[in-house]
N, C-alpha and C. Protein backbone atom coordinates (compact mmCIF):
# COMPACT_ATOMS: atom_id res chain seq x y z
N MET A 1 86.96 -32.98 50.11
CA MET A 1 86.35 -32.30 51.32
C MET A 1 87.64 -31.79 52.15
N ASN A 2 88.87 -31.98 52.44
CA ASN A 2 89.98 -31.92 53.13
C ASN A 2 90.56 -30.28 52.03
N GLN A 3 90.63 -30.76 51.07
CA GLN A 3 90.98 -29.70 49.69
C GLN A 3 90.35 -28.10 49.73
N LYS A 4 88.90 -28.18 50.48
CA LYS A 4 88.25 -27.32 50.24
C LYS A 4 88.26 -26.37 51.29
N ILE A 5 88.32 -27.34 52.48
CA ILE A 5 88.89 -26.79 53.94
C ILE A 5 90.50 -26.07 54.03
N ASN A 6 90.94 -26.51 53.32
CA ASN A 6 92.49 -25.88 53.33
C ASN A 6 92.36 -24.84 52.25
N PHE A 7 91.57 -24.80 51.22
CA PHE A 7 92.02 -22.99 50.37
C PHE A 7 91.13 -22.63 50.98
N TRP A 8 90.02 -22.66 52.01
CA TRP A 8 89.13 -22.00 52.31
C TRP A 8 90.04 -20.76 53.54
N LEU A 9 90.55 -21.81 54.29
CA LEU A 9 91.59 -21.97 55.56
C LEU A 9 92.62 -20.92 55.04
N ASP A 10 93.25 -21.26 53.86
CA ASP A 10 94.14 -20.39 53.64
C ASP A 10 93.68 -18.78 52.89
N ILE A 11 92.85 -18.73 52.46
CA ILE A 11 92.23 -17.46 52.25
C ILE A 11 91.83 -16.63 53.38
N ILE A 12 91.22 -17.06 54.23
CA ILE A 12 90.95 -16.67 55.23
C ILE A 12 92.22 -15.99 56.60
N LEU A 13 93.09 -16.80 56.10
CA LEU A 13 94.46 -16.42 56.76
C LEU A 13 95.26 -15.66 55.97
N ALA A 14 94.83 -15.41 54.58
CA ALA A 14 95.84 -14.34 54.00
C ALA A 14 95.27 -13.22 54.26
N VAL A 15 93.68 -13.47 54.56
CA VAL A 15 92.63 -12.03 54.48
C VAL A 15 93.22 -11.34 56.06
N MET A 16 93.47 -12.22 56.79
CA MET A 16 93.42 -12.09 58.31
C MET A 16 94.85 -11.23 58.44
N PHE A 17 95.77 -12.03 57.78
CA PHE A 17 97.29 -11.41 57.89
C PHE A 17 97.19 -9.74 57.55
N ILE A 18 96.70 -9.53 56.63
CA ILE A 18 96.67 -7.89 56.13
C ILE A 18 96.53 -6.81 57.69
N PRO A 19 95.19 -7.06 58.05
CA PRO A 19 95.07 -5.84 59.16
C PRO A 19 95.85 -6.24 60.56
N VAL A 20 96.50 -7.63 60.75
CA VAL A 20 97.24 -7.20 61.81
C VAL A 20 98.75 -7.10 61.48
N ALA A 21 98.92 -7.28 60.22
CA ALA A 21 100.51 -6.66 59.59
C ALA A 21 100.37 -4.86 59.81
N ILE A 22 99.28 -4.79 59.20
CA ILE A 22 99.04 -3.22 59.02
C ILE A 22 99.59 -2.61 60.67
N SER A 23 98.54 -3.28 61.36
CA SER A 23 98.31 -2.60 63.20
C SER A 23 99.63 -2.62 63.64
N SER A 24 100.49 -4.03 63.31
CA SER A 24 101.61 -4.07 63.86
C SER A 24 102.61 -2.81 63.47
N LEU A 25 102.36 -2.76 62.10
CA LEU A 25 103.44 -1.33 61.51
C LEU A 25 102.93 0.20 62.32
N VAL A 26 101.98 0.27 62.45
CA VAL A 26 101.03 1.32 63.49
C VAL A 26 101.87 1.36 64.80
N PHE A 27 101.89 0.39 65.02
CA PHE A 27 102.56 0.32 66.66
C PHE A 27 103.75 0.35 66.16
N PHE A 28 104.77 -0.10 65.41
CA PHE A 28 106.08 -0.26 65.48
C PHE A 28 107.04 1.24 65.19
N PHE A 29 106.09 1.98 64.24
CA PHE A 29 106.27 3.25 63.71
C PHE A 29 105.76 4.23 64.72
N GLY A 30 105.00 4.14 65.69
CA GLY A 30 104.45 4.72 66.76
C GLY A 30 103.50 5.59 66.18
N LEU A 31 102.90 5.05 65.60
CA LEU A 31 101.54 6.12 65.07
C LEU A 31 100.20 5.35 65.89
N ASN A 32 100.30 5.10 66.97
CA ASN A 32 99.19 4.61 67.60
C ASN A 32 98.36 5.63 68.22
N THR A 33 98.66 6.45 68.39
CA THR A 33 97.89 7.68 69.07
C THR A 33 96.67 7.88 68.17
N SER A 34 96.60 8.23 67.08
CA SER A 34 95.32 8.01 66.34
C SER A 34 95.89 8.13 64.84
N PHE A 35 95.48 7.12 64.11
CA PHE A 35 96.15 7.06 62.87
C PHE A 35 94.77 6.17 61.66
N LEU A 36 94.12 6.82 60.83
CA LEU A 36 93.48 6.81 59.99
C LEU A 36 91.83 6.94 60.49
N GLY A 37 91.84 7.35 61.80
CA GLY A 37 90.80 7.82 61.99
C GLY A 37 90.29 7.07 63.45
N ILE A 38 91.34 5.56 63.69
CA ILE A 38 90.99 4.96 64.34
C ILE A 38 91.87 5.46 65.56
N PRO A 39 91.44 5.04 66.95
CA PRO A 39 92.01 5.73 68.30
C PRO A 39 93.07 4.42 68.31
N SER A 40 93.82 4.83 69.22
CA SER A 40 94.70 3.80 69.96
C SER A 40 94.03 2.74 70.35
N TYR A 41 93.23 2.66 71.31
CA TYR A 41 92.72 1.66 71.98
C TYR A 41 91.95 0.79 70.90
N GLY A 42 91.32 1.43 69.68
CA GLY A 42 90.89 0.62 68.83
C GLY A 42 91.72 -0.36 67.70
N TRP A 43 93.55 0.61 67.58
CA TRP A 43 94.59 -0.49 66.87
C TRP A 43 94.81 -1.30 67.79
N ARG A 44 94.93 -1.24 69.50
CA ARG A 44 95.48 -2.57 70.25
C ARG A 44 94.32 -3.67 70.09
N MET A 45 92.78 -2.86 70.17
CA MET A 45 91.79 -4.15 70.16
C MET A 45 91.99 -4.70 68.95
N MET A 46 91.62 -4.37 67.79
CA MET A 46 91.83 -4.88 66.57
C MET A 46 93.37 -5.69 66.25
N HIS A 47 94.54 -5.32 66.86
CA HIS A 47 95.26 -6.36 66.77
C HIS A 47 95.09 -7.59 67.72
N ASN A 48 95.03 -7.42 68.74
CA ASN A 48 95.38 -8.36 69.64
C ASN A 48 94.21 -9.52 69.38
N ASN A 49 92.26 -8.98 68.87
CA ASN A 49 91.82 -10.24 68.70
C ASN A 49 91.93 -10.44 67.38
N LEU A 50 92.43 -10.02 66.31
CA LEU A 50 92.35 -10.48 65.15
C LEU A 50 93.80 -11.49 65.40
N GLY A 51 94.86 -11.40 66.09
CA GLY A 51 95.89 -12.13 66.28
C GLY A 51 95.42 -13.57 67.24
N MET A 52 94.98 -13.28 67.68
CA MET A 52 94.31 -14.41 68.49
C MET A 52 93.83 -15.27 67.58
N ILE A 53 92.69 -14.63 66.91
CA ILE A 53 92.05 -15.61 65.76
C ILE A 53 93.07 -16.03 64.65
N PHE A 54 93.68 -15.19 64.15
CA PHE A 54 94.99 -15.46 63.50
C PHE A 54 95.79 -16.78 64.33
N ILE A 55 95.96 -17.06 65.31
CA ILE A 55 96.92 -17.88 65.91
C ILE A 55 96.05 -19.52 66.06
N ILE A 56 94.80 -19.52 66.42
CA ILE A 56 93.62 -20.43 66.38
C ILE A 56 93.62 -20.86 64.61
N LEU A 57 93.73 -20.65 63.79
CA LEU A 57 93.58 -20.34 62.67
C LEU A 57 94.67 -21.24 62.34
N MET A 58 95.66 -20.41 62.63
CA MET A 58 97.05 -21.27 62.06
C MET A 58 97.42 -22.47 62.92
N LEU A 59 97.21 -22.96 64.35
CA LEU A 59 97.15 -24.27 64.82
C LEU A 59 96.41 -25.12 63.99
N ILE A 60 95.31 -24.87 63.20
CA ILE A 60 94.09 -26.01 62.91
C ILE A 60 94.79 -26.02 61.67
N HIS A 61 95.54 -25.00 60.94
CA HIS A 61 96.21 -25.28 59.46
C HIS A 61 97.61 -26.40 59.96
N ILE A 62 98.19 -26.03 60.75
CA ILE A 62 99.49 -26.81 61.20
C ILE A 62 98.30 -28.22 61.61
N ILE A 63 97.75 -28.55 62.10
CA ILE A 63 96.87 -29.87 62.60
C ILE A 63 96.61 -30.19 61.43
N LEU A 64 95.88 -29.97 60.39
CA LEU A 64 95.69 -30.44 59.13
C LEU A 64 96.76 -30.69 58.32
N HIS A 65 97.80 -29.98 58.24
CA HIS A 65 99.16 -30.44 57.38
C HIS A 65 100.01 -31.06 58.47
N ILE A 66 99.43 -31.79 59.59
CA ILE A 66 100.53 -32.60 60.32
C ILE A 66 101.66 -33.57 60.07
N ASN A 67 101.00 -34.34 58.64
CA ASN A 67 101.12 -35.57 57.91
C ASN A 67 102.59 -35.24 57.21
N TRP A 68 101.91 -34.02 56.69
CA TRP A 68 103.00 -33.37 55.49
C TRP A 68 104.21 -33.19 56.33
N PHE A 69 103.94 -32.09 57.45
CA PHE A 69 105.00 -31.76 58.23
C PHE A 69 105.87 -33.11 58.82
N TRP A 70 105.64 -33.96 59.35
CA TRP A 70 106.21 -35.49 59.82
C TRP A 70 106.93 -35.87 58.86
N CYS A 71 106.51 -35.68 57.38
CA CYS A 71 107.18 -36.55 56.61
C CYS A 71 108.45 -35.54 55.98
N MET A 72 108.02 -34.61 56.27
CA MET A 72 109.30 -33.22 55.82
C MET A 72 110.55 -33.30 56.85
N ILE A 73 110.07 -33.41 57.99
CA ILE A 73 111.16 -33.70 58.91
C ILE A 73 111.71 -35.20 58.81
N LYS A 74 111.08 -36.03 58.73
CA LYS A 74 111.82 -36.98 58.42
C LYS A 74 112.90 -37.44 57.00
N GLY A 75 112.09 -36.52 56.38
CA GLY A 75 113.48 -36.53 55.08
C GLY A 75 114.48 -35.79 54.89
N PHE A 76 113.88 -34.68 55.85
CA PHE A 76 115.18 -33.67 56.08
C PHE A 76 116.43 -34.52 57.01
N PHE A 77 116.24 -35.27 57.95
CA PHE A 77 116.86 -35.67 58.75
C PHE A 77 117.52 -37.27 58.17
N HIS A 78 116.73 -37.94 57.18
CA HIS A 78 117.30 -39.04 56.17
C HIS A 78 118.63 -38.79 55.57
N LYS A 79 119.40 -39.61 55.94
CA LYS A 79 120.73 -39.91 55.34
C LYS A 79 120.49 -40.50 54.22
N SER A 80 120.99 -39.96 52.96
CA SER A 80 120.67 -41.04 51.59
C SER A 80 122.43 -41.17 51.60
N ASN A 81 122.27 -42.23 50.98
CA ASN A 81 123.81 -42.76 50.30
C ASN A 81 124.30 -42.32 49.06
C-alpha cells in the first residue's frame, strides 16, 4: 500500500511542479501582464494555489519518508574507521 501511495504522490508532485514552474518563469521574466491569454491575476492565483497544494503534498512526502531521512542523516554523520 505504501509503495502505491508513494508512486501516485510522486506523479502528482511532478505534474503539479510544471504549472508552478511555468508561472514562476512568467513572473521572473515580467510577462505577468497577460501571457498565453491568461491575465496577471490568473497567473498569480494559479501560482499561489498550486504552490500551496505543492507544499502540502511535499510535507506528506517528507512524512512518508521520514525514516529514510533519519537513516541518511545518521549515516552522514557516522564516522567510519
